[in-house]
């Protein structure tokens, strides 16, 4: 049985107040970042834990400079965090919300592609 990200958190419909302009802008920025195939693949890899650029380059099949540029954009958007370990920089998805968002978008894609019934 698959565990869905929303099974462990409050549901979006639990929100009482409408989003502020700043929240809408931040959400749009995050979704724009996810709209790129390489960045979405990078976040998929980073949702499980820390990875360095060399590992990410091999995992997503992009050039090292391209991966570095995408990671810089994801850092600026607040979707990943980094830390230095010696000469290496390790990246990870920033927090549970980002990890759940990436997981959920792939569950939604899978449902769309397979015709599986939606969840409430």
PDB file of N, CA and C in Angstrom:
ATOM      1  N   UNK A   1       0.829  -1.171   0.000  1.00  0.00           N
ATOM      2  CA  UNK A   1       0.000   0.000   0.000  1.00  0.00           C
ATOM      3  C   UNK A   1       0.881   1.245   0.000  1.00  0.00           C
ATOM      4  N   UNK A   2       0.572   2.194  -0.863  1.00  0.00           N
ATOM      5  CA  UNK A   2       1.335   3.422  -0.939  1.00  0.00           C
ATOM      6  C   UNK A   2       0.920   4.369   0.175  1.00  0.00           C
ATOM      7  N   UNK A   3       1.886   5.070   0.726  1.00  0.00           N
ATOM      8  CA  UNK A   3       1.567   6.086   1.713  1.00  0.00           C
ATOM      9  C   UNK A   3       1.631   7.437   1.019  1.00  0.00           C
ATOM     10  N   UNK A   4       0.599   8.193   1.110  1.00  0.00           N
ATOM     11  CA  UNK A   4       0.559   9.487   0.470  1.00  0.00           C
ATOM     12  C   UNK A   4       1.013  10.553   1.448  1.00  0.00           C
ATOM     13  N   UNK A   5       1.677  11.555   0.923  1.00  0.00           N
ATOM     14  CA  UNK A   5       2.238  12.613   1.771  1.00  0.00           C
ATOM     15  C   UNK A   5       1.168  13.254   2.634  1.00  0.00           C
ATOM     16  N   UNK A   6      -0.025  13.429   2.108  1.00  0.00           N
ATOM     17  CA  UNK A   6      -1.064  14.125   2.868  1.00  0.00           C
ATOM     18  C   UNK A   6      -1.623  13.281   4.013  1.00  0.00           C
ATOM     19  N   UNK A   7      -1.293  11.989   4.060  1.00  0.00           N
ATOM     20  CA  UNK A   7      -1.790  11.142   5.134  1.00  0.00           C
ATOM     21  C   UNK A   7      -1.243  11.563   6.496  1.00  0.00           C
ATOM     22  N   UNK A   8      -0.110  12.277   6.513  1.00  0.00           N
ATOM     23  CA  UNK A   8       0.526  12.634   7.776  1.00  0.00           C
ATOM     24  C   UNK A   8       0.482  14.123   8.090  1.00  0.00           C
ATOM     25  N   UNK A   9      -0.234  14.899   7.307  1.00  0.00           N
ATOM     26  CA  UNK A   9      -0.246  16.338   7.531  1.00  0.00           C
ATOM     27  C   UNK A   9      -1.648  16.887   7.374  1.00  0.00           C
ATOM     28  N   UNK A  10      -1.813  18.118   7.822  1.00  0.00           N
ATOM     29  CA  UNK A  10      -3.097  18.788   7.634  1.00  0.00           C
ATOM     30  C   UNK A  10      -3.371  18.930   6.149  1.00  0.00           C
ATOM     31  N   UNK A  11      -4.592  18.847   5.809  1.00  0.00           N
ATOM     32  CA  UNK A  11      -5.060  18.930   4.445  1.00  0.00           C
ATOM     33  C   UNK A  11      -5.132  20.402   4.036  1.00  0.00           C
ATOM     34  N   UNK A  12      -4.897  20.685   2.747  1.00  0.00           N
ATOM     35  CA  UNK A  12      -4.923  22.071   2.264  1.00  0.00           C
ATOM     36  C   UNK A  12      -6.272  22.726   2.532  1.00  0.00           C
ATOM     37  N   UNK A  13      -7.344  21.946   2.551  1.00  0.00           N
ATOM     38  CA  UNK A  13      -8.664  22.535   2.799  1.00  0.00           C
ATOM     39  C   UNK A  13      -8.857  22.908   4.271  1.00  0.00           C
ATOM     40  N   UNK A  14      -7.918  22.514   5.153  1.00  0.00           N
ATOM     41  CA  UNK A  14      -7.978  22.892   6.566  1.00  0.00           C
ATOM     42  C   UNK A  14      -7.603  24.360   6.765  1.00  0.00           C
ATOM     43  N   UNK A  15      -7.044  24.967   5.772  1.00  0.00           N
ATOM     44  CA  UNK A  15      -6.598  26.355   5.837  1.00  0.00           C
ATOM     45  C   UNK A  15      -7.800  27.275   5.971  1.00  0.00           C
ATOM     46  N   UNK A  16      -7.780  28.154   6.957  1.00  0.00           N
ATOM     47  CA  UNK A  16      -8.911  29.028   7.231  1.00  0.00           C
ATOM     48  C   UNK A  16      -8.845  30.354   6.482  1.00  0.00           C
ATOM     49  N   UNK A  17      -7.672  30.924   6.378  1.00  0.00           N
ATOM     50  CA  UNK A  17      -7.499  32.237   5.766  1.00  0.00           C
ATOM     51  C   UNK A  17      -7.086  32.093   4.306  1.00  0.00           C
ATOM     52  N   UNK A  18      -7.549  33.001   3.438  1.00  0.00           N
ATOM     53  CA  UNK A  18      -7.065  32.974   2.056  1.00  0.00           C
ATOM     54  C   UNK A  18      -5.583  33.334   2.025  1.00  0.00           C
ATOM     55  N   UNK A  19      -4.854  32.853   1.050  1.00  0.00           N
ATOM     56  CA  UNK A  19      -3.418  33.155   1.002  1.00  0.00           C
ATOM     57  C   UNK A  19      -3.170  34.641   0.746  1.00  0.00           C
ATOM     58  N   UNK A  20      -2.090  35.126   1.317  1.00  0.00           N
ATOM     59  CA  UNK A  20      -1.685  36.519   1.094  1.00  0.00           C
ATOM     60  C   UNK A  20      -1.003  36.627  -0.265  1.00  0.00           C
ATOM     61  N   UNK A  21      -0.812  37.838  -0.734  1.00  0.00           N
ATOM     62  CA  UNK A  21      -0.104  38.056  -2.003  1.00  0.00           C
ATOM     63  C   UNK A  21       1.310  37.490  -1.935  1.00  0.00           C
ATOM     64  N   UNK A  22       1.962  37.664  -0.805  1.00  0.00           N
ATOM     65  CA  UNK A  22       3.317  37.140  -0.641  1.00  0.00           C
ATOM     66  C   UNK A  22       3.321  35.617  -0.711  1.00  0.00           C
ATOM     67  N   UNK A  23       2.323  34.984  -0.106  1.00  0.00           N
ATOM     68  CA  UNK A  23       2.242  33.519  -0.163  1.00  0.00           C
ATOM     69  C   UNK A  23       1.972  33.045  -1.587  1.00  0.00           C
ATOM     70  N   UNK A  24       1.110  33.734  -2.298  1.00  0.00           N
ATOM     71  CA  UNK A  24       0.827  33.372  -3.695  1.00  0.00           C
ATOM     72  C   UNK A  24       2.099  33.521  -4.525  1.00  0.00           C
ATOM     73  N   UNK A  25       2.813  34.618  -4.347  1.00  0.00           N
ATOM     74  CA  UNK A  25       4.053  34.832  -5.095  1.00  0.00           C
ATOM     75  C   UNK A  25       5.083  33.744  -4.801  1.00  0.00           C
ATOM     76  N   UNK A  26       5.220  33.385  -3.528  1.00  0.00           N
ATOM     77  CA  UNK A  26       6.171  32.330  -3.156  1.00  0.00           C
ATOM     78  C   UNK A  26       5.756  30.987  -3.748  1.00  0.00           C
ATOM     79  N   UNK A  27       4.456  30.703  -3.745  1.00  0.00           N
ATOM     80  CA  UNK A  27       3.964  29.444  -4.319  1.00  0.00           C
ATOM     81  C   UNK A  27       4.195  29.401  -5.826  1.00  0.00           C
ATOM     82  N   UNK A  28       3.949  30.513  -6.500  1.00  0.00           N
ATOM     83  CA  UNK A  28       4.167  30.578  -7.952  1.00  0.00           C
ATOM     84  C   UNK A  28       5.646  30.357  -8.273  1.00  0.00           C
ATOM     85  N   UNK A  29       6.518  30.971  -7.497  1.00  0.00           N
ATOM     86  CA  UNK A  29       7.955  30.778  -7.700  1.00  0.00           C
ATOM     87  C   UNK A  29       8.324  29.313  -7.529  1.00  0.00           C
ATOM     88  N   UNK A  30       7.828  28.683  -6.482  1.00  0.00           N
ATOM     89  CA  UNK A  30       8.127  27.267  -6.238  1.00  0.00           C
ATOM     90  C   UNK A  30       7.619  26.400  -7.388  1.00  0.00           C
ATOM     91  N   UNK A  31       6.404  26.659  -7.836  1.00  0.00           N
ATOM     92  CA  UNK A  31       5.842  25.852  -8.927  1.00  0.00           C
ATOM     93  C   UNK A  31       6.581  26.091 -10.234  1.00  0.00           C
ATOM     94  N   UNK A  32       7.035  27.321 -10.468  1.00  0.00           N
ATOM     95  CA  UNK A  32       7.855  27.601 -11.656  1.00  0.00           C
ATOM     96  C   UNK A  32       9.134  26.776 -11.626  1.00  0.00           C
ATOM     97  N   UNK A  33       9.729  26.677 -10.456  1.00  0.00           N
ATOM     98  CA  UNK A  33      10.959  25.891 -10.321  1.00  0.00           C
ATOM     99  C   UNK A  33      10.696  24.420 -10.624  1.00  0.00           C
ATOM    100  N   UNK A  34       9.541  23.924 -10.215  1.00  0.00           N
ATOM    101  CA  UNK A  34       9.192  22.526 -10.460  1.00  0.00           C
ATOM    102  C   UNK A  34       8.826  22.263 -11.918  1.00  0.00           C
ATOM    103  N   UNK A  35       8.554  23.313 -12.688  1.00  0.00           N
ATOM    104  CA  UNK A  35       8.112  23.151 -14.070  1.00  0.00           C
ATOM    105  C   UNK A  35       9.252  22.788 -15.013  1.00  0.00           C
ATOM    106  N   UNK A  36      10.473  22.756 -14.547  1.00  0.00           N
ATOM    107  CA  UNK A  36      11.618  22.372 -15.371  1.00  0.00           C
ATOM    108  C   UNK A  36      11.959  20.905 -15.105  1.00  0.00           C
ATOM    109  N   UNK A  37      12.073  20.085 -16.153  1.00  0.00           N
ATOM    110  CA  UNK A  37      12.334  18.648 -15.940  1.00  0.00           C
ATOM    111  C   UNK A  37      13.598  18.352 -15.143  1.00  0.00           C
ATOM    112  N   UNK A  38      14.680  19.080 -15.412  1.00  0.00           N
ATOM    113  CA  UNK A  38      15.923  18.809 -14.676  1.00  0.00           C
ATOM    114  C   UNK A  38      15.773  19.178 -13.207  1.00  0.00           C
ATOM    115  N   UNK A  39      15.157  20.325 -12.924  1.00  0.00           N
ATOM    116  CA  UNK A  39      14.981  20.718 -11.516  1.00  0.00           C
ATOM    117  C   UNK A  39      14.049  19.767 -10.789  1.00  0.00           C
ATOM    118  N   UNK A  40      13.005  19.297 -11.460  1.00  0.00           N
ATOM    119  CA  UNK A  40      12.102  18.342 -10.824  1.00  0.00           C
ATOM    120  C   UNK A  40      12.831  17.031 -10.538  1.00  0.00           C
ATOM    121  N   UNK A  41      13.656  16.587 -11.472  1.00  0.00           N
ATOM    122  CA  UNK A  41      14.451  15.368 -11.225  1.00  0.00           C
ATOM    123  C   UNK A  41      15.428  15.570 -10.068  1.00  0.00           C
ATOM    124  N   UNK A  42      16.052  16.756 -10.018  1.00  0.00           N
ATOM    125  CA  UNK A  42      16.977  17.042  -8.913  1.00  0.00           C
ATOM    126  C   UNK A  42      16.253  16.984  -7.574  1.00  0.00           C
ATOM    127  N   UNK A  43      15.096  17.601  -7.498  1.00  0.00           N
ATOM    128  CA  UNK A  43      14.343  17.572  -6.242  1.00  0.00           C
ATOM    129  C   UNK A  43      13.898  16.164  -5.887  1.00  0.00           C
ATOM    130  N   UNK A  44      13.573  15.359  -6.883  1.00  0.00           N
ATOM    131  CA  UNK A  44      13.229  13.952  -6.616  1.00  0.00           C
ATOM    132  C   UNK A  44      14.408  13.260  -5.938  1.00  0.00           C
ATOM    133  N   UNK A  45      15.594  13.476  -6.463  1.00  0.00           N
ATOM    134  CA  UNK A  45      16.798  12.865  -5.874  1.00  0.00           C
ATOM    135  C   UNK A  45      17.078  13.406  -4.474  1.00  0.00           C
ATOM    136  N   UNK A  46      16.826  14.687  -4.262  1.00  0.00           N
ATOM    137  CA  UNK A  46      17.157  15.327  -2.997  1.00  0.00           C
ATOM    138  C   UNK A  46      16.131  15.091  -1.903  1.00  0.00           C
ATOM    139  N   UNK A  47      14.965  14.582  -2.238  1.00  0.00           N
ATOM    140  CA  UNK A  47      13.934  14.379  -1.215  1.00  0.00           C
ATOM    141  C   UNK A  47      14.337  13.270  -0.244  1.00  0.00           C
ATOM    142  N   UNK A  48      15.213  12.384  -0.645  1.00  0.00           N
ATOM    143  CA  UNK A  48      15.648  11.279   0.225  1.00  0.00           C
ATOM    144  C   UNK A  48      16.829  11.640   1.114  1.00  0.00           C
ATOM    145  N   UNK A  49      17.492  12.754   0.823  1.00  0.00           N
ATOM    146  CA  UNK A  49      18.638  13.131   1.649  1.00  0.00           C
ATOM    147  C   UNK A  49      19.662  13.904   0.851  1.00  0.00           C
ATOM    148  N   UNK A  50      20.819  14.073   1.438  1.00  0.00           N
ATOM    149  CA  UNK A  50      21.857  14.899   0.841  1.00  0.00           C
ATOM    150  C   UNK A  50      22.546  14.208  -0.331  1.00  0.00           C
ATOM    151  N   UNK A  51      22.889  15.033  -1.328  1.00  0.00           N
ATOM    152  CA  UNK A  51      23.630  14.564  -2.494  1.00  0.00           C
ATOM    153  C   UNK A  51      24.593  15.672  -2.920  1.00  0.00           C
ATOM    154  N   UNK A  52      25.728  15.283  -3.498  1.00  0.00           N
ATOM    155  CA  UNK A  52      26.644  16.278  -4.048  1.00  0.00           C
ATOM    156  C   UNK A  52      26.402  16.422  -5.551  1.00  0.00           C
ATOM    157  N   UNK A  53      27.047  17.413  -6.160  1.00  0.00           N
ATOM    158  CA  UNK A  53      26.820  17.707  -7.574  1.00  0.00           C
ATOM    159  C   UNK A  53      27.205  16.524  -8.455  1.00  0.00           C
ATOM    160  N   UNK A  54      28.284  15.842  -8.145  1.00  0.00           N
ATOM    161  CA  UNK A  54      28.708  14.699  -8.953  1.00  0.00           C
ATOM    162  C   UNK A  54      27.642  13.608  -8.956  1.00  0.00           C
ATOM    163  N   UNK A  55      27.109  13.294  -7.809  1.00  0.00           N
ATOM    164  CA  UNK A  55      26.063  12.279  -7.696  1.00  0.00           C
ATOM    165  C   UNK A  55      24.802  12.722  -8.433  1.00  0.00           C
ATOM    166  N   UNK A  56      24.440  13.981  -8.273  1.00  0.00           N
ATOM    167  CA  UNK A  56      23.236  14.499  -8.931  1.00  0.00           C
ATOM    168  C   UNK A  56      23.396  14.534 -10.445  1.00  0.00           C
ATOM    169  N   UNK A  57      24.592  14.873 -10.918  1.00  0.00           N
ATOM    170  CA  UNK A  57      24.856  14.903 -12.360  1.00  0.00           C
ATOM    171  C   UNK A  57      24.618  13.528 -12.966  1.00  0.00           C
ATOM    172  N   UNK A  58      25.128  12.505 -12.310  1.00  0.00           N
ATOM    173  CA  UNK A  58      24.930  11.135 -12.802  1.00  0.00           C
ATOM    174  C   UNK A  58      23.465  10.723 -12.718  1.00  0.00           C
ATOM    175  N   UNK A  59      22.784  11.112 -11.658  1.00  0.00           N
ATOM    176  CA  UNK A  59      21.401  10.684 -11.446  1.00  0.00           C
ATOM    177  C   UNK A  59      20.425  11.304 -12.435  1.00  0.00           C
ATOM    178  N   UNK A  60      20.642  12.564 -12.806  1.00  0.00           N
ATOM    179  CA  UNK A  60      19.674  13.242 -13.682  1.00  0.00           C
ATOM    180  C   UNK A  60      20.116  13.291 -15.141  1.00  0.00           C
ATOM    181  N   UNK A  61      21.345  12.879 -15.430  1.00  0.00           N
ATOM    182  CA  UNK A  61      21.809  12.829 -16.804  1.00  0.00           C
ATOM    183  C   UNK A  61      22.018  14.189 -17.446  1.00  0.00           C
ATOM    184  N   UNK A  62      22.381  15.176 -16.655  1.00  0.00           N
ATOM    185  CA  UNK A  62      22.654  16.514 -17.176  1.00  0.00           C
ATOM    186  C   UNK A  62      24.130  16.838 -16.942  1.00  0.00           C
ATOM    187  N   UNK A  63      24.617  17.852 -17.620  1.00  0.00           N
ATOM    188  CA  UNK A  63      26.009  18.253 -17.443  1.00  0.00           C
ATOM    189  C   UNK A  63      26.204  18.876 -16.061  1.00  0.00           C
ATOM    190  N   UNK A  64      27.436  18.830 -15.599  1.00  0.00           N
ATOM    191  CA  UNK A  64      27.762  19.400 -14.287  1.00  0.00           C
ATOM    192  C   UNK A  64      27.424  20.895 -14.223  1.00  0.00           C
ATOM    193  N   UNK A  65      27.802  21.695 -15.251  1.00  0.00           N
ATOM    194  CA  UNK A  65      27.432  23.118 -15.193  1.00  0.00           C
ATOM    195  C   UNK A  65      25.920  23.339 -15.151  1.00  0.00           C
ATOM    196  N   UNK A  66      25.166  22.532 -15.900  1.00  0.00           N
ATOM    197  CA  UNK A  66      23.703  22.672 -15.894  1.00  0.00           C
ATOM    198  C   UNK A  66      23.142  22.333 -14.518  1.00  0.00           C
ATOM    199  N   UNK A  67      23.627  21.263 -13.907  1.00  0.00           N
ATOM    200  CA  UNK A  67      23.162  20.875 -12.575  1.00  0.00           C
ATOM    201  C   UNK A  67      23.488  21.967 -11.565  1.00  0.00           C
ATOM    202  N   UNK A  68      24.677  22.525 -11.643  1.00  0.00           N
ATOM    203  CA  UNK A  68      25.067  23.600 -10.726  1.00  0.00           C
ATOM    204  C   UNK A  68      24.162  24.819 -10.894  1.00  0.00           C
ATOM    205  N   UNK A  69      23.848  25.171 -12.132  1.00  0.00           N
ATOM    206  CA  UNK A  69      22.960  26.316 -12.372  1.00  0.00           C
ATOM    207  C   UNK A  69      21.558  26.055 -11.840  1.00  0.00           C
ATOM    208  N   UNK A  70      21.040  24.858 -12.069  1.00  0.00           N
ATOM    209  CA  UNK A  70      19.709  24.518 -11.561  1.00  0.00           C
ATOM    210  C   UNK A  70      19.688  24.524 -10.033  1.00  0.00           C
ATOM    211  N   UNK A  71      20.737  24.000  -9.416  1.00  0.00           N
ATOM    212  CA  UNK A  71      20.808  24.006  -7.951  1.00  0.00           C
ATOM    213  C   UNK A  71      20.858  25.434  -7.417  1.00  0.00           C
ATOM    214  N   UNK A  72      21.558  26.324  -8.104  1.00  0.00           N
ATOM    215  CA  UNK A  72      21.610  27.729  -7.678  1.00  0.00           C
ATOM    216  C   UNK A  72      20.207  28.344  -7.712  1.00  0.00           C
ATOM    217  N   UNK A  73      19.439  28.042  -8.743  1.00  0.00           N
ATOM    218  CA  UNK A  73      18.070  28.557  -8.833  1.00  0.00           C
ATOM    219  C   UNK A  73      17.193  27.989  -7.725  1.00  0.00           C
ATOM    220  N   UNK A  74      17.349  26.688  -7.457  1.00  0.00           N
ATOM    221  CA  UNK A  74      16.566  26.054  -6.399  1.00  0.00           C
ATOM    222  C   UNK A  74      16.933  26.618  -5.024  1.00  0.00           C
ATOM    223  N   UNK A  75      18.211  26.935  -4.827  1.00  0.00           N
ATOM    224  CA  UNK A  75      18.645  27.567  -3.580  1.00  0.00           C
ATOM    225  C   UNK A  75      18.003  28.940  -3.426  1.00  0.00           C
ATOM    226  N   UNK A  76      18.054  29.743  -4.481  1.00  0.00           N
ATOM    227  CA  UNK A  76      17.462  31.081  -4.430  1.00  0.00           C
ATOM    228  C   UNK A  76      15.961  31.038  -4.176  1.00  0.00           C
ATOM    229  N   UNK A  77      15.297  30.014  -4.714  1.00  0.00           N
ATOM    230  CA  UNK A  77      13.850  29.871  -4.521  1.00  0.00           C
ATOM    231  C   UNK A  77      13.511  29.283  -3.154  1.00  0.00           C
ATOM    232  N   UNK A  78      14.522  28.853  -2.400  1.00  0.00           N
ATOM    233  CA  UNK A  78      14.286  28.298  -1.068  1.00  0.00           C
ATOM    234  C   UNK A  78      13.798  26.869  -1.068  1.00  0.00           C
ATOM    235  N   UNK A  79      13.980  26.158  -2.186  1.00  0.00           N
ATOM    236  CA  UNK A  79      13.512  24.768  -2.266  1.00  0.00           C
ATOM    237  C   UNK A  79      14.575  23.760  -1.858  1.00  0.00           C
ATOM    238  N   UNK A  80      15.838  24.167  -1.868  1.00  0.00           N
ATOM    239  CA  UNK A  80      16.913  23.297  -1.394  1.00  0.00           C
ATOM    240  C   UNK A  80      17.793  24.083  -0.437  1.00  0.00           C
ATOM    241  N   UNK A  81      18.520  23.350   0.367  1.00  0.00           N
ATOM    242  CA  UNK A  81      19.525  23.949   1.243  1.00  0.00           C
ATOM    243  C   UNK A  81      20.847  23.245   0.957  1.00  0.00           C
ATOM    244  N   UNK A  82      21.927  23.853   1.397  1.00  0.00           N
ATOM    245  CA  UNK A  82      23.238  23.257   1.147  1.00  0.00           C
ATOM    246  C   UNK A  82      24.109  23.412   2.387  1.00  0.00           C
ATOM    247  N   UNK A  83      25.113  22.570   2.431  1.00  0.00           N
ATOM    248  CA  UNK A  83      26.126  22.692   3.482  1.00  0.00           C
ATOM    249  C   UNK A  83      27.440  22.169   2.921  1.00  0.00           C
ATOM    250  N   UNK A  84      28.499  22.739   3.399  1.00  0.00           N
ATOM    251  CA  UNK A  84      29.829  22.358   2.930  1.00  0.00           C
ATOM    252  C   UNK A  84      30.374  21.253   3.829  1.00  0.00           C
ATOM    253  N   UNK A  85      30.967  20.263   3.179  1.00  0.00           N
ATOM    254  CA  UNK A  85      31.657  19.179   3.889  1.00  0.00           C
ATOM    255  C   UNK A  85      33.020  19.038   3.230  1.00  0.00           C
ATOM    256  N   UNK A  86      34.022  19.670   3.836  1.00  0.00           N
ATOM    257  CA  UNK A  86      35.336  19.707   3.197  1.00  0.00           C
ATOM    258  C   UNK A  86      35.249  20.514   1.908  1.00  0.00           C
ATOM    259  N   UNK A  87      35.643  19.893   0.804  1.00  0.00           N
ATOM    260  CA  UNK A  87      35.581  20.566  -0.495  1.00  0.00           C
ATOM    261  C   UNK A  87      34.253  20.360  -1.204  1.00  0.00           C
ATOM    262  N   UNK A  88      33.446  19.447  -0.699  1.00  0.00           N
ATOM    263  CA  UNK A  88      32.159  19.151  -1.340  1.00  0.00           C
ATOM    264  C   UNK A  88      31.047  20.010  -0.750  1.00  0.00           C
ATOM    265  N   UNK A  89      30.078  20.297  -1.610  1.00  0.00           N
ATOM    266  CA  UNK A  89      28.859  20.944  -1.152  1.00  0.00           C
ATOM    267  C   UNK A  89      27.751  19.913  -1.281  1.00  0.00           C
ATOM    268  N   UNK A  90      27.019  19.707  -0.202  1.00  0.00           N
ATOM    269  CA  UNK A  90      25.922  18.750  -0.193  1.00  0.00           C
ATOM    270  C   UNK A  90      24.604  19.507  -0.203  1.00  0.00           C
ATOM    271  N   UNK A  91      23.679  19.022  -1.023  1.00  0.00           N
ATOM    272  CA  UNK A  91      22.371  19.653  -1.184  1.00  0.00           C
ATOM    273  C   UNK A  91      21.302  18.702  -0.689  1.00  0.00           C
ATOM    274  N   UNK A  92      20.187  19.282  -0.249  1.00  0.00           N
ATOM    275  CA  UNK A  92      19.031  18.482   0.155  1.00  0.00           C
ATOM    276  C   UNK A  92      17.770  19.306  -0.051  1.00  0.00           C
ATOM    277  N   UNK A  93      16.646  18.612  -0.247  1.00  0.00           N
ATOM    278  CA  UNK A  93      15.358  19.300  -0.341  1.00  0.00           C
ATOM    279  C   UNK A  93      15.126  20.000   0.985  1.00  0.00           C
ATOM    280  N   UNK A  94      14.606  21.205   0.924  1.00  0.00           N
ATOM    281  CA  UNK A  94      14.461  22.010   2.141  1.00  0.00           C
ATOM    282  C   UNK A  94      13.123  21.748   2.819  1.00  0.00           C
ATOM    283  N   UNK A  95      13.132  20.846   3.762  1.00  0.00           N
ATOM    284  CA  UNK A  95      11.968  20.606   4.595  1.00  0.00           C
ATOM    285  C   UNK A  95      10.947  19.636   4.029  1.00  0.00           C
ATOM    286  N   UNK A  96      10.065  19.232   4.920  1.00  0.00           N
ATOM    287  CA  UNK A  96       9.039  18.250   4.594  1.00  0.00           C
ATOM    288  C   UNK A  96       8.025  18.727   3.574  1.00  0.00           C
ATOM    289  N   UNK A  97       7.723  20.017   3.578  1.00  0.00           N
ATOM    290  CA  UNK A  97       6.750  20.518   2.606  1.00  0.00           C
ATOM    291  C   UNK A  97       7.254  20.323   1.182  1.00  0.00           C
ATOM    292  N   UNK A  98       8.527  20.627   0.949  1.00  0.00           N
ATOM    293  CA  UNK A  98       9.101  20.469  -0.391  1.00  0.00           C
ATOM    294  C   UNK A  98       9.145  18.993  -0.766  1.00  0.00           C
ATOM    295  N   UNK A  99       9.574  18.149   0.163  1.00  0.00           N
ATOM    296  CA  UNK A  99       9.634  16.704  -0.125  1.00  0.00           C
ATOM    297  C   UNK A  99       8.245  16.158  -0.437  1.00  0.00           C
ATOM    298  N   UNK A 100       7.242  16.561   0.336  1.00  0.00           N
ATOM    299  CA  UNK A 100       5.876  16.079   0.093  1.00  0.00           C
ATOM    300  C   UNK A 100       5.314  16.619  -1.217  1.00  0.00           C
ATOM    301  N   UNK A 101       5.627  17.877  -1.542  1.00  0.00           N
ATOM    302  CA  UNK A 101       5.154  18.467  -2.792  1.00  0.00           C
ATOM    303  C   UNK A 101       5.685  17.684  -3.987  1.00  0.00           C
ATOM    304  N   UNK A 102       6.966  17.380  -3.974  1.00  0.00           N
ATOM    305  CA  UNK A 102       7.573  16.618  -5.071  1.00  0.00           C
ATOM    306  C   UNK A 102       6.970  15.218  -5.148  1.00  0.00           C
ATOM    307  N   UNK A 103       6.816  14.571  -4.019  1.00  0.00           N
ATOM    308  CA  UNK A 103       6.213  13.237  -4.002  1.00  0.00           C
ATOM    309  C   UNK A 103       4.786  13.277  -4.527  1.00  0.00           C
ATOM    310  N   UNK A 104       4.009  14.241  -4.067  1.00  0.00           N
ATOM    311  CA  UNK A 104       2.606  14.349  -4.488  1.00  0.00           C
ATOM    312  C   UNK A 104       2.459  14.633  -5.975  1.00  0.00           C
ATOM    313  N   UNK A 105       3.339  15.470  -6.523  1.00  0.00           N
ATOM    314  CA  UNK A 105       3.219  15.780  -7.950  1.00  0.00           C
ATOM    315  C   UNK A 105       3.455  14.519  -8.784  1.00  0.00           C
ATOM    316  N   UNK A 106       4.322  13.631  -8.325  1.00  0.00           N
ATOM    317  CA  UNK A 106       4.523  12.383  -9.054  1.00  0.00           C
ATOM    318  C   UNK A 106       3.371  11.406  -8.842  1.00  0.00           C
ATOM    319  N   UNK A 107       2.772  11.400  -7.652  1.00  0.00           N
ATOM    320  CA  UNK A 107       1.563  10.591  -7.455  1.00  0.00           C
ATOM    321  C   UNK A 107       0.454  11.081  -8.379  1.00  0.00           C
ATOM    322  N   UNK A 108       0.284  12.398  -8.477  1.00  0.00           N
ATOM    323  CA  UNK A 108      -0.751  12.953  -9.352  1.00  0.00           C
ATOM    324  C   UNK A 108      -0.475  12.598 -10.812  1.00  0.00           C
ATOM    325  N   UNK A 109       0.776  12.678 -11.221  1.00  0.00           N
ATOM    326  CA  UNK A 109       1.138  12.319 -12.596  1.00  0.00           C
ATOM    327  C   UNK A 109       0.859  10.848 -12.861  1.00  0.00           C
ATOM    328  N   UNK A 110       1.186  10.010 -11.900  1.00  0.00           N
ATOM    329  CA  UNK A 110       0.934   8.581 -12.046  1.00  0.00           C
ATOM    330  C   UNK A 110      -0.562   8.301 -12.188  1.00  0.00           C
ATOM    331  N   UNK A 111      -1.373   8.947 -11.385  1.00  0.00           N
ATOM    332  CA  UNK A 111      -2.829   8.773 -11.484  1.00  0.00           C
ATOM    333  C   UNK A 111      -3.338   9.225 -12.841  1.00  0.00           C
ATOM    334  N   UNK A 112      -2.815  10.343 -13.323  1.00  0.00           N
ATOM    335  CA  UNK A 112      -3.219  10.848 -14.630  1.00  0.00           C
ATOM    336  C   UNK A 112      -2.840   9.868 -15.738  1.00  0.00           C
ATOM    337  N   UNK A 113      -1.641   9.334 -15.676  1.00  0.00           N
ATOM    338  CA  UNK A 113      -1.154   8.440 -16.733  1.00  0.00           C
ATOM    339  C   UNK A 113      -1.808   7.066 -16.701  1.00  0.00           C
ATOM    340  N   UNK A 114      -2.105   6.580 -15.515  1.00  0.00           N
ATOM    341  CA  UNK A 114      -2.651   5.222 -15.388  1.00  0.00           C
ATOM    342  C   UNK A 114      -4.160   5.184 -15.307  1.00  0.00           C
ATOM    343  N   UNK A 115      -4.777   6.340 -15.056  1.00  0.00           N
ATOM    344  CA  UNK A 115      -6.223   6.377 -14.893  1.00  0.00           C
ATOM    345  C   UNK A 115      -6.677   5.870 -13.536  1.00  0.00           C
ATOM    346  N   UNK A 116      -5.751   5.744 -12.589  1.00  0.00           N
ATOM    347  CA  UNK A 116      -6.109   5.302 -11.233  1.00  0.00           C
ATOM    348  C   UNK A 116      -7.069   6.318 -10.613  1.00  0.00           C
ATOM    349  N   UNK A 117      -7.986   5.862  -9.770  1.00  0.00           N
ATOM    350  CA  UNK A 117      -8.937   6.791  -9.161  1.00  0.00           C
ATOM    351  C   UNK A 117      -8.243   7.796  -8.247  1.00  0.00           C
ATOM    352  N   UNK A 118      -8.806   8.972  -8.189  1.00  0.00           N
ATOM    353  CA  UNK A 118      -8.261  10.030  -7.334  1.00  0.00           C
ATOM    354  C   UNK A 118      -8.616   9.753  -5.879  1.00  0.00           C
ATOM    355  N   UNK A 119      -7.875  10.383  -4.975  1.00  0.00           N
ATOM    356  CA  UNK A 119      -8.120  10.268  -3.537  1.00  0.00           C
ATOM    357  C   UNK A 119      -8.797  11.531  -3.048  1.00  0.00           C
ATOM    358  N   UNK A 120      -9.589  11.404  -2.005  1.00  0.00           N
ATOM    359  CA  UNK A 120     -10.196  12.585  -1.382  1.00  0.00           C
ATOM    360  C   UNK A 120      -9.329  13.085  -0.261  1.00  0.00           C
TER     361      UNK A 120
END
